[in-house]
Amino acid sequence: MRNIKNVSLVSKAVMEHTGHVMLVGEGAERFAVAVGFPRENLLTDHSRKIWLLWKEFHSSEDWWGPGLADPHWQAPNIRPQADLVQERFRRLEERAADLGIAPELREDAVHKVLFPPTGTIHCSALNEKGEISGCTTTSGLAWKLPGRCGDSPIIGAGCYTDQDVGSAGATGSGEENIKVAGAHSIVENMRHGMSPVDAGTDALKRIARNYNGDMNRLRFVDMIYYILRKDGVYAGVSLWEGYSPEKPHRIAVHDGTKRAEQTVALFKGTSQDFPPKLKVPPELKKQFE
């Protein structure tokens, strides 16, 4: 959907006001306007310039492939390259100035080109009546191929809720989650008696099985599942321990007290981005923080 800010509320309106399960594209936008959501230009001039900056320097490093599932895929060289990072940073800053990006915003623009932003959120909730609900919403994958659909809107992949069993949702490598129907698989596992942790871990193992346990490929995949059972028992599980040692995967919990808890990981260590981003040597990290 384009031009509508609060798409999760539009999704709720589809549920409440139509006999359909999913609306997409132009028709979804027309429906949103018909039920009262205003059209808004969500592309700011600053964001457009960042896209132009990325397009000029990264158009050969996108999602065209080959992908991880290609039998001829080879792991890229991801060793720190201080000279390359410094040169790319310098060129990006110069081009950012040419594009008219304000001096105080150039470092942020360069950071978003080198480290594309992501933003998927899942929330499952259980109220005092015992009613359970779930929602997954996302801005999508930065710099993706036009037309790419991730797991968030796919029922049973990015989100699934069953009033008799529980709710599950996901963030991470959307394509891998679609392949295993992750959220639905987890809820069905719980239906058959698995605990939330075991149900989620089983889904993670299915992802690993799709690559025959090839860690050379799996290190470029990550998945975090958020799981809530009907009786209030919950779990957060992940393929890896975090995106970096400084950023372990965590889930937010609110059951009268608010806290963050680390996920239960299938594999020790951290994942790596794919397509790979430049590794920043320690001496340069301060420029990006």
C-alpha atoms as a PDB file:
ATOM      1  CA  MET A   1       0.000   0.000   0.000  1.00  0.00           C
ATOM      2  CA  ARG A   2       1.187   3.498  -0.823  1.00  0.00           C
ATOM      3  CA  ASN A   3       0.295   6.944   0.496  1.00  0.00           C
ATOM      4  CA  ILE A   4      -1.417   5.721   3.697  1.00  0.00           C
ATOM      5  CA  LYS A   5       0.376   6.017   7.014  1.00  0.00           C
ATOM      6  CA  ASN A   6      -1.441   3.673   9.425  1.00  0.00           C
ATOM      7  CA  VAL A   7      -1.757   0.491   7.384  1.00  0.00           C
ATOM      8  CA  SER A   8      -2.374  -1.776  10.392  1.00  0.00           C
ATOM      9  CA  LEU A   9      -5.544   0.231  11.096  1.00  0.00           C
ATOM     10  CA  VAL A  10      -6.541  -0.165   7.445  1.00  0.00           C
ATOM     11  CA  SER A  11      -6.047  -3.911   7.856  1.00  0.00           C
ATOM     12  CA  LYS A  12      -8.382  -3.838  10.858  1.00  0.00           C
ATOM     13  CA  ALA A  13     -10.921  -1.933   8.760  1.00  0.00           C
ATOM     14  CA  VAL A  14     -10.747  -4.637   6.078  1.00  0.00           C
ATOM     15  CA  MET A  15     -11.608  -7.180   8.766  1.00  0.00           C
ATOM     16  CA  GLU A  16     -14.455  -5.101  10.177  1.00  0.00           C
ATOM     17  CA  HIS A  17     -16.034  -3.671   7.026  1.00  0.00           C
ATOM     18  CA  THR A  18     -15.504  -6.219   4.242  1.00  0.00           C
ATOM     19  CA  GLY A  19     -15.901  -9.909   3.590  1.00  0.00           C
ATOM     20  CA  HIS A  20     -12.309 -10.112   2.371  1.00  0.00           C
ATOM     21  CA  VAL A  21      -9.123 -11.116   4.138  1.00  0.00           C
ATOM     22  CA  MET A  22      -6.550  -9.134   2.155  1.00  0.00           C
ATOM     23  CA  LEU A  23      -6.531  -6.034  -0.057  1.00  0.00           C
ATOM     24  CA  VAL A  24      -3.382  -4.918  -1.863  1.00  0.00           C
ATOM     25  CA  GLY A  25      -2.071  -2.186  -4.131  1.00  0.00           C
ATOM     26  CA  GLU A  26      -4.232   0.512  -5.649  1.00  0.00           C
ATOM     27  CA  GLY A  27      -7.451  -1.132  -4.504  1.00  0.00           C
ATOM     28  CA  ALA A  28      -6.268  -1.140  -0.897  1.00  0.00           C
ATOM     29  CA  GLU A  29      -5.447   2.548  -1.140  1.00  0.00           C
ATOM     30  CA  ARG A  30      -8.886   3.379  -2.568  1.00  0.00           C
ATOM     31  CA  PHE A  31     -10.548   1.379   0.208  1.00  0.00           C
ATOM     32  CA  ALA A  32      -8.511   3.196   2.861  1.00  0.00           C
ATOM     33  CA  VAL A  33      -9.584   6.579   1.514  1.00  0.00           C
ATOM     34  CA  ALA A  34     -13.209   5.422   1.306  1.00  0.00           C
ATOM     35  CA  VAL A  35     -13.277   4.542   5.014  1.00  0.00           C
ATOM     36  CA  GLY A  36     -11.661   7.798   6.079  1.00  0.00           C
ATOM     37  CA  PHE A  37      -7.884   7.474   5.948  1.00  0.00           C
ATOM     38  CA  PRO A  38      -6.208  10.511   4.342  1.00  0.00           C
ATOM     39  CA  ARG A  39      -3.738  10.167   1.500  1.00  0.00           C
ATOM     40  CA  GLU A  40      -0.335  11.453   2.586  1.00  0.00           C
ATOM     41  CA  ASN A  41       2.971  11.830   0.815  1.00  0.00           C
ATOM     42  CA  LEU A  42       5.141   9.604   2.966  1.00  0.00           C
ATOM     43  CA  LEU A  43       8.299  10.249   0.934  1.00  0.00           C
ATOM     44  CA  THR A  44      10.072  13.256   2.376  1.00  0.00           C
ATOM     45  CA  ASP A  45      12.517  15.219   0.282  1.00  0.00           C
ATOM     46  CA  HIS A  46      15.294  14.068   2.618  1.00  0.00           C
ATOM     47  CA  SER A  47      14.362  10.407   2.131  1.00  0.00           C
ATOM     48  CA  ARG A  48      14.229  10.877  -1.649  1.00  0.00           C
ATOM     49  CA  LYS A  49      17.744  12.288  -1.635  1.00  0.00           C
ATOM     50  CA  ILE A  50      19.010   9.375   0.471  1.00  0.00           C
ATOM     51  CA  TRP A  51      17.495   7.005  -2.114  1.00  0.00           C
ATOM     52  CA  LEU A  52      19.267   8.889  -4.916  1.00  0.00           C
ATOM     53  CA  LEU A  53      22.485   8.647  -2.925  1.00  0.00           C
ATOM     54  CA  TRP A  54      22.067   4.881  -2.497  1.00  0.00           C
ATOM     55  CA  LYS A  55      21.051   4.382  -6.132  1.00  0.00           C
ATOM     56  CA  GLU A  56      24.217   5.996  -7.414  1.00  0.00           C
ATOM     57  CA  PHE A  57      26.593   4.019  -5.209  1.00  0.00           C
ATOM     58  CA  HIS A  58      24.811   0.747  -4.471  1.00  0.00           C
ATOM     59  CA  SER A  59      22.715  -0.185  -7.497  1.00  0.00           C
ATOM     60  CA  SER A  60      24.951  -3.216  -8.119  1.00  0.00           C
ATOM     61  CA  GLU A  61      24.644  -4.404  -4.512  1.00  0.00           C
ATOM     62  CA  ASP A  62      20.912  -5.021  -4.213  1.00  0.00           C
ATOM     63  CA  TRP A  63      18.470  -7.928  -4.157  1.00  0.00           C
ATOM     64  CA  TRP A  64      18.765  -9.046  -7.779  1.00  0.00           C
ATOM     65  CA  GLY A  65      20.871 -11.981  -6.651  1.00  0.00           C
ATOM     66  CA  PRO A  66      22.114 -14.555  -6.753  1.00  0.00           C
ATOM     67  CA  GLY A  67      20.295 -15.334  -3.530  1.00  0.00           C
ATOM     68  CA  LEU A  68      21.162 -17.740  -0.746  1.00  0.00           C
ATOM     69  CA  ALA A  69      19.079 -20.518  -2.284  1.00  0.00           C
ATOM     70  CA  ASP A  70      21.032 -20.410  -5.576  1.00  0.00           C
ATOM     71  CA  PRO A  71      23.259 -23.523  -5.760  1.00  0.00           C
ATOM     72  CA  HIS A  72      25.999 -21.353  -7.280  1.00  0.00           C
ATOM     73  CA  TRP A  73      25.884 -18.742  -4.513  1.00  0.00           C
ATOM     74  CA  GLN A  74      29.203 -17.997  -2.844  1.00  0.00           C
ATOM     75  CA  ALA A  75      29.758 -16.209   0.438  1.00  0.00           C
ATOM     76  CA  PRO A  76      31.032 -12.667  -0.128  1.00  0.00           C
ATOM     77  CA  ASN A  77      34.205 -11.266   1.305  1.00  0.00           C
ATOM     78  CA  ILE A  78      33.091  -9.409   4.438  1.00  0.00           C
ATOM     79  CA  ARG A  79      36.447  -8.694   6.024  1.00  0.00           C
ATOM     80  CA  PRO A  80      37.006  -5.134   7.292  1.00  0.00           C
ATOM     81  CA  GLN A  81      38.380  -2.913   4.536  1.00  0.00           C
ATOM     82  CA  ALA A  82      39.390   0.336   6.186  1.00  0.00           C
ATOM     83  CA  ASP A  83      40.578   2.052   3.008  1.00  0.00           C
ATOM     84  CA  LEU A  84      37.433   1.057   1.111  1.00  0.00           C
ATOM     85  CA  VAL A  85      35.120   2.257   3.876  1.00  0.00           C
ATOM     86  CA  GLN A  86      36.946   5.565   4.220  1.00  0.00           C
ATOM     87  CA  GLU A  87      36.895   6.165   0.477  1.00  0.00           C
ATOM     88  CA  ARG A  88      33.228   5.273   0.157  1.00  0.00           C
ATOM     89  CA  PHE A  89      32.326   7.472   3.110  1.00  0.00           C
ATOM     90  CA  ARG A  90      34.217  10.394   1.565  1.00  0.00           C
ATOM     91  CA  ARG A  91      32.555   9.952  -1.847  1.00  0.00           C
ATOM     92  CA  LEU A  92      29.117   9.619  -0.289  1.00  0.00           C
ATOM     93  CA  GLU A  93      29.571  12.794   1.712  1.00  0.00           C
ATOM     94  CA  GLU A  94      30.651  14.668  -1.410  1.00  0.00           C
ATOM     95  CA  ARG A  95      27.670  13.398  -3.400  1.00  0.00           C
ATOM     96  CA  ALA A  96      25.318  14.155  -0.503  1.00  0.00           C
ATOM     97  CA  ALA A  97      26.478  17.748  -0.694  1.00  0.00           C
ATOM     98  CA  ASP A  98      25.878  17.772  -4.467  1.00  0.00           C
ATOM     99  CA  LEU A  99      22.327  16.501  -3.897  1.00  0.00           C
ATOM    100  CA  GLY A 100      21.647  19.385  -1.535  1.00  0.00           C
ATOM    101  CA  ILE A 101      21.518  17.405   1.695  1.00  0.00           C
ATOM    102  CA  ALA A 102      22.093  19.819   4.569  1.00  0.00           C
ATOM    103  CA  PRO A 103      25.512  19.528   6.269  1.00  0.00           C
ATOM    104  CA  GLU A 104      23.981  18.470   9.588  1.00  0.00           C
ATOM    105  CA  LEU A 105      22.051  15.652   7.834  1.00  0.00           C
ATOM    106  CA  ARG A 106      24.808  14.259   5.620  1.00  0.00           C
ATOM    107  CA  GLU A 107      26.261  11.859   8.159  1.00  0.00           C
ATOM    108  CA  ASP A 108      22.788  10.408   8.781  1.00  0.00           C
ATOM    109  CA  ALA A 109      22.243  10.023   5.029  1.00  0.00           C
ATOM    110  CA  VAL A 110      25.562   8.238   4.556  1.00  0.00           C
ATOM    111  CA  HIS A 111      24.808   5.955   7.494  1.00  0.00           C
ATOM    112  CA  LYS A 112      21.468   4.927   5.956  1.00  0.00           C
ATOM    113  CA  VAL A 113      23.121   4.147   2.627  1.00  0.00           C
ATOM    114  CA  LEU A 114      25.816   2.004   4.230  1.00  0.00           C
ATOM    115  CA  PHE A 115      23.462   0.508   6.841  1.00  0.00           C
ATOM    116  CA  PRO A 116      19.914   0.413   5.389  1.00  0.00           C
ATOM    117  CA  PRO A 117      17.198   0.899   8.022  1.00  0.00           C
ATOM    118  CA  THR A 118      14.617  -1.759   8.786  1.00  0.00           C
ATOM    119  CA  GLY A 119      11.494  -1.525  10.865  1.00  0.00           C
ATOM    120  CA  THR A 120       9.244  -4.536  11.447  1.00  0.00           C
ATOM    121  CA  ILE A 121       7.284  -4.713  14.705  1.00  0.00           C
ATOM    122  CA  HIS A 122       5.140  -7.506  16.135  1.00  0.00           C
ATOM    123  CA  CYS A 123       2.872  -7.377  19.156  1.00  0.00           C
ATOM    124  CA  SER A 124       0.743 -10.137  20.681  1.00  0.00           C
ATOM    125  CA  ALA A 125      -1.626  -9.299  23.535  1.00  0.00           C
ATOM    126  CA  LEU A 126      -3.851 -11.166  25.975  1.00  0.00           C
ATOM    127  CA  ASN A 127      -6.540  -9.246  27.841  1.00  0.00           C
ATOM    128  CA  GLU A 128      -8.247  -9.978  31.162  1.00  0.00           C
ATOM    129  CA  LYS A 129     -11.147 -11.649  29.337  1.00  0.00           C
ATOM    130  CA  GLY A 130      -8.778 -14.210  27.859  1.00  0.00           C
ATOM    131  CA  GLU A 131      -9.066 -12.734  24.352  1.00  0.00           C
ATOM    132  CA  ILE A 132      -5.852 -12.834  22.360  1.00  0.00           C
ATOM    133  CA  SER A 133      -4.761 -10.717  19.415  1.00  0.00           C
ATOM    134  CA  GLY A 134      -1.701 -10.098  17.281  1.00  0.00           C
ATOM    135  CA  CYS A 135      -0.404  -7.527  14.809  1.00  0.00           C
ATOM    136  CA  THR A 136       2.705  -7.306  12.638  1.00  0.00           C
ATOM    137  CA  THR A 137       3.479  -4.122  10.717  1.00  0.00           C
ATOM    138  CA  THR A 138       6.468  -3.026   8.664  1.00  0.00           C
ATOM    139  CA  SER A 139       7.826  -0.345   6.383  1.00  0.00           C
ATOM    140  CA  GLY A 140       9.336  -3.082   4.235  1.00  0.00           C
ATOM    141  CA  LEU A 141      12.900  -3.848   3.271  1.00  0.00           C
ATOM    142  CA  ALA A 142      15.068  -0.883   2.373  1.00  0.00           C
ATOM    143  CA  TRP A 143      16.257  -0.810  -1.271  1.00  0.00           C
ATOM    144  CA  LYS A 144      14.226  -3.916  -2.192  1.00  0.00           C
ATOM    145  CA  LEU A 145      13.185  -4.843  -5.729  1.00  0.00           C
ATOM    146  CA  PRO A 146       9.910  -3.104  -6.651  1.00  0.00           C
ATOM    147  CA  GLY A 147       7.016  -5.455  -5.978  1.00  0.00           C
ATOM    148  CA  ARG A 148       8.766  -7.469  -3.268  1.00  0.00           C
ATOM    149  CA  CYS A 149       6.350  -8.751  -0.637  1.00  0.00           C
ATOM    150  CA  GLY A 150       7.766  -9.725   2.732  1.00  0.00           C
ATOM    151  CA  ASP A 151       6.320 -11.983   5.386  1.00  0.00           C
ATOM    152  CA  SER A 152       4.492  -9.367   7.491  1.00  0.00           C
ATOM    153  CA  PRO A 153       1.260  -9.272   5.451  1.00  0.00           C
ATOM    154  CA  ILE A 154       1.308 -12.988   4.656  1.00  0.00           C
ATOM    155  CA  ILE A 155      -1.206 -14.664   6.954  1.00  0.00           C
ATOM    156  CA  GLY A 156       0.500 -17.506   8.788  1.00  0.00           C
ATOM    157  CA  ALA A 157       4.007 -16.224   8.084  1.00  0.00           C
ATOM    158  CA  GLY A 158       4.572 -12.849   9.743  1.00  0.00           C
ATOM    159  CA  CYS A 159       1.570 -13.125  12.042  1.00  0.00           C
ATOM    160  CA  TYR A 160      -0.988 -15.725  13.109  1.00  0.00           C
ATOM    161  CA  THR A 161      -3.469 -15.786  15.992  1.00  0.00           C
ATOM    162  CA  ASP A 162      -5.858 -18.522  17.098  1.00  0.00           C
ATOM    163  CA  GLN A 163      -8.236 -17.809  19.975  1.00  0.00           C
ATOM    164  CA  ASP A 164      -8.014 -21.396  21.208  1.00  0.00           C
ATOM    165  CA  VAL A 165      -4.226 -21.622  21.195  1.00  0.00           C
ATOM    166  CA  GLY A 166      -2.224 -18.410  21.054  1.00  0.00           C
ATOM    167  CA  SER A 167      -0.436 -15.906  18.849  1.00  0.00           C
ATOM    168  CA  ALA A 168       2.923 -15.670  17.099  1.00  0.00           C
ATOM    169  CA  GLY A 169       4.712 -13.127  14.943  1.00  0.00           C
ATOM    170  CA  ALA A 170       8.089 -12.553  13.408  1.00  0.00           C
ATOM    171  CA  THR A 171      10.790 -10.108  12.441  1.00  0.00           C
ATOM    172  CA  GLY A 172      13.911 -10.903  10.467  1.00  0.00           C
ATOM    173  CA  SER A 173      14.525 -12.591   7.114  1.00  0.00           C
ATOM    174  CA  GLY A 174      11.022 -12.403   5.688  1.00  0.00           C
ATOM    175  CA  GLU A 175      11.637 -14.630   2.692  1.00  0.00           C
ATOM    176  CA  GLU A 176      12.859 -17.468   4.920  1.00  0.00           C
ATOM    177  CA  ASN A 177       9.841 -17.092   7.193  1.00  0.00           C
ATOM    178  CA  ILE A 178       7.395 -17.313   4.286  1.00  0.00           C
ATOM    179  CA  LYS A 179       8.967 -20.626   3.251  1.00  0.00           C
ATOM    180  CA  VAL A 180       8.137 -22.265   6.596  1.00  0.00           C
ATOM    181  CA  ALA A 181       4.860 -20.410   7.335  1.00  0.00           C
ATOM    182  CA  GLY A 182       6.540 -19.573  10.623  1.00  0.00           C
ATOM    183  CA  ALA A 183       3.790 -18.020  12.739  1.00  0.00           C
ATOM    184  CA  HIS A 184       1.201 -20.631  11.748  1.00  0.00           C
ATOM    185  CA  SER A 185       3.681 -23.462  12.298  1.00  0.00           C
ATOM    186  CA  ILE A 186       4.387 -22.191  15.810  1.00  0.00           C
ATOM    187  CA  VAL A 187       0.709 -21.895  16.744  1.00  0.00           C
ATOM    188  CA  GLU A 188       0.032 -25.390  15.390  1.00  0.00           C
ATOM    189  CA  ASN A 189       2.995 -26.723  17.369  1.00  0.00           C
ATOM    190  CA  MET A 190       1.453 -25.262  20.523  1.00  0.00           C
ATOM    191  CA  ARG A 191      -1.902 -26.757  19.581  1.00  0.00           C
ATOM    192  CA  HIS A 192      -0.234 -30.166  19.654  1.00  0.00           C
ATOM    193  CA  GLY A 193       1.240 -29.575  23.100  1.00  0.00           C
ATOM    194  CA  MET A 194       4.608 -27.906  22.541  1.00  0.00           C
ATOM    195  CA  SER A 195       5.702 -25.118  24.860  1.00  0.00           C
ATOM    196  CA  PRO A 196       6.174 -21.660  23.287  1.00  0.00           C
ATOM    197  CA  VAL A 197       9.970 -22.065  23.370  1.00  0.00           C
ATOM    198  CA  ASP A 198       9.893 -25.515  21.764  1.00  0.00           C
ATOM    199  CA  ALA A 199       7.280 -24.446  19.203  1.00  0.00           C
ATOM    200  CA  GLY A 200       9.409 -21.517  18.091  1.00  0.00           C
ATOM    201  CA  THR A 201      12.643 -23.483  18.107  1.00  0.00           C
ATOM    202  CA  ASP A 202      11.057 -26.076  15.839  1.00  0.00           C
ATOM    203  CA  ALA A 203      10.201 -23.369  13.293  1.00  0.00           C
ATOM    204  CA  LEU A 204      13.789 -22.109  13.441  1.00  0.00           C
ATOM    205  CA  LYS A 205      15.050 -25.640  12.796  1.00  0.00           C
ATOM    206  CA  ARG A 206      12.859 -25.795   9.696  1.00  0.00           C
ATOM    207  CA  ILE A 207      14.614 -22.691   8.368  1.00  0.00           C
ATOM    208  CA  ALA A 208      17.985 -24.281   9.063  1.00  0.00           C
ATOM    209  CA  ARG A 209      16.837 -27.493   7.378  1.00  0.00           C
ATOM    210  CA  ASN A 210      16.025 -25.584   4.188  1.00  0.00           C
ATOM    211  CA  TYR A 211      19.777 -24.969   3.871  1.00  0.00           C
ATOM    212  CA  ASN A 212      20.761 -28.445   5.111  1.00  0.00           C
ATOM    213  CA  GLY A 213      22.382 -26.816   8.122  1.00  0.00           C
ATOM    214  CA  ASP A 214      24.908 -24.985   5.908  1.00  0.00           C
ATOM    215  CA  MET A 215      26.275 -22.435   8.358  1.00  0.00           C
ATOM    216  CA  ASN A 216      28.081 -20.631   5.556  1.00  0.00           C
ATOM    217  CA  ARG A 217      24.633 -19.591   4.301  1.00  0.00           C
ATOM    218  CA  LEU A 218      22.699 -19.527   7.557  1.00  0.00           C
ATOM    219  CA  ARG A 219      25.003 -16.878   9.015  1.00  0.00           C
ATOM    220  CA  PHE A 220      23.355 -14.471   6.525  1.00  0.00           C
ATOM    221  CA  VAL A 221      19.863 -15.368   7.791  1.00  0.00           C
ATOM    222  CA  ASP A 222      18.195 -14.281  11.021  1.00  0.00           C
ATOM    223  CA  MET A 223      14.734 -14.702  12.468  1.00  0.00           C
ATOM    224  CA  ILE A 224      13.093 -13.658  15.714  1.00  0.00           C
ATOM    225  CA  TYR A 225       9.763 -15.144  16.799  1.00  0.00           C
ATOM    226  CA  TYR A 226       7.463 -13.596  19.414  1.00  0.00           C
ATOM    227  CA  ILE A 227       5.127 -16.176  20.926  1.00  0.00           C
ATOM    228  CA  LEU A 228       2.219 -15.899  23.372  1.00  0.00           C
ATOM    229  CA  ARG A 229       0.159 -18.881  24.465  1.00  0.00           C
ATOM    230  CA  LYS A 230      -3.496 -18.649  25.498  1.00  0.00           C
ATOM    231  CA  ASP A 231      -2.631 -19.187  29.173  1.00  0.00           C
ATOM    232  CA  GLY A 232      -0.173 -16.262  29.167  1.00  0.00           C
ATOM    233  CA  VAL A 233       3.037 -18.275  28.828  1.00  0.00           C
ATOM    234  CA  TYR A 234       5.308 -16.510  26.324  1.00  0.00           C
ATOM    235  CA  ALA A 235       8.677 -16.850  24.642  1.00  0.00           C
ATOM    236  CA  GLY A 236      11.057 -15.045  22.340  1.00  0.00           C
ATOM    237  CA  VAL A 237      13.303 -17.244  20.200  1.00  0.00           C
ATOM    238  CA  SER A 238      15.827 -16.362  17.514  1.00  0.00           C
ATOM    239  CA  LEU A 239      18.068 -18.064  14.986  1.00  0.00           C
ATOM    240  CA  TRP A 240      21.123 -16.193  16.301  1.00  0.00           C
ATOM    241  CA  GLU A 241      21.887 -14.449  19.586  1.00  0.00           C
ATOM    242  CA  GLY A 242      21.861 -11.010  18.008  1.00  0.00           C
ATOM    243  CA  TYR A 243      22.908  -8.762  15.151  1.00  0.00           C
ATOM    244  CA  SER A 244      26.120  -7.986  17.029  1.00  0.00           C
ATOM    245  CA  PRO A 245      27.580  -8.701  20.481  1.00  0.00           C
ATOM    246  CA  GLU A 246      26.455  -5.213  21.516  1.00  0.00           C
ATOM    247  CA  LYS A 247      22.900  -5.756  20.201  1.00  0.00           C
ATOM    248  CA  PRO A 248      21.473  -9.072  21.430  1.00  0.00           C
ATOM    249  CA  HIS A 249      17.957  -9.956  20.365  1.00  0.00           C
ATOM    250  CA  ARG A 250      15.382  -8.976  22.996  1.00  0.00           C
ATOM    251  CA  ILE A 251      11.629  -9.014  23.375  1.00  0.00           C
ATOM    252  CA  ALA A 252       9.555  -6.485  25.299  1.00  0.00           C
ATOM    253  CA  VAL A 253       7.225  -7.911  27.941  1.00  0.00           C
ATOM    254  CA  HIS A 254       4.426  -6.169  29.840  1.00  0.00           C
ATOM    255  CA  ASP A 255       2.510  -8.306  32.339  1.00  0.00           C
ATOM    256  CA  GLY A 256       2.097  -5.653  34.990  1.00  0.00           C
ATOM    257  CA  THR A 257       5.754  -4.742  34.853  1.00  0.00           C
ATOM    258  CA  LYS A 258       7.667  -3.584  31.803  1.00  0.00           C
ATOM    259  CA  ARG A 259      10.947  -5.262  30.899  1.00  0.00           C
ATOM    260  CA  ALA A 260      13.121  -6.567  28.076  1.00  0.00           C
ATOM    261  CA  GLU A 261      14.193 -10.194  27.945  1.00  0.00           C
ATOM    262  CA  GLN A 262      16.828 -11.801  25.766  1.00  0.00           C
ATOM    263  CA  THR A 263      15.642 -14.375  23.249  1.00  0.00           C
ATOM    264  CA  VAL A 264      16.490 -18.082  23.340  1.00  0.00           C
ATOM    265  CA  ALA A 265      18.821 -18.594  20.365  1.00  0.00           C
ATOM    266  CA  LEU A 266      19.184 -21.704  18.215  1.00  0.00           C
ATOM    267  CA  PHE A 267      22.759 -20.834  17.242  1.00  0.00           C
ATOM    268  CA  LYS A 268      25.511 -19.196  19.253  1.00  0.00           C
ATOM    269  CA  GLY A 269      26.979 -16.015  17.844  1.00  0.00           C
ATOM    270  CA  THR A 270      25.630 -13.234  15.656  1.00  0.00           C
ATOM    271  CA  SER A 271      24.168 -13.068  12.180  1.00  0.00           C
ATOM    272  CA  GLN A 272      25.551 -11.118   9.244  1.00  0.00           C
ATOM    273  CA  ASP A 273      23.643  -8.897   6.846  1.00  0.00           C
ATOM    274  CA  PHE A 274      22.669 -10.086   3.382  1.00  0.00           C
ATOM    275  CA  PRO A 275      23.178  -8.523   0.976  1.00  0.00           C
ATOM    276  CA  PRO A 276      26.336  -7.819   2.982  1.00  0.00           C
ATOM    277  CA  LYS A 277      27.117  -4.367   4.223  1.00  0.00           C
ATOM    278  CA  LEU A 278      30.605  -3.032   4.593  1.00  0.00           C
ATOM    279  CA  LYS A 279      32.263  -4.038   7.826  1.00  0.00           C
ATOM    280  CA  VAL A 280      33.408  -0.932   9.629  1.00  0.00           C
ATOM    281  CA  PRO A 281      36.804  -1.228  11.320  1.00  0.00           C
ATOM    282  CA  PRO A 282      36.838  -0.222  15.008  1.00  0.00           C
ATOM    283  CA  GLU A 283      38.764   2.976  14.311  1.00  0.00           C
ATOM    284  CA  LEU A 284      35.936   4.205  12.077  1.00  0.00           C
ATOM    285  CA  LYS A 285      32.952   3.135  14.160  1.00  0.00           C
ATOM    286  CA  LYS A 286      32.752   6.424  16.052  1.00  0.00           C
ATOM    287  CA  GLN A 287      31.928   8.196  12.793  1.00  0.00           C
ATOM    288  CA  PHE A 288      28.734   6.143  12.536  1.00  0.00           C
ATOM    289  CA  GLU A 289      27.582   6.241  16.162  1.00  0.00           C
END
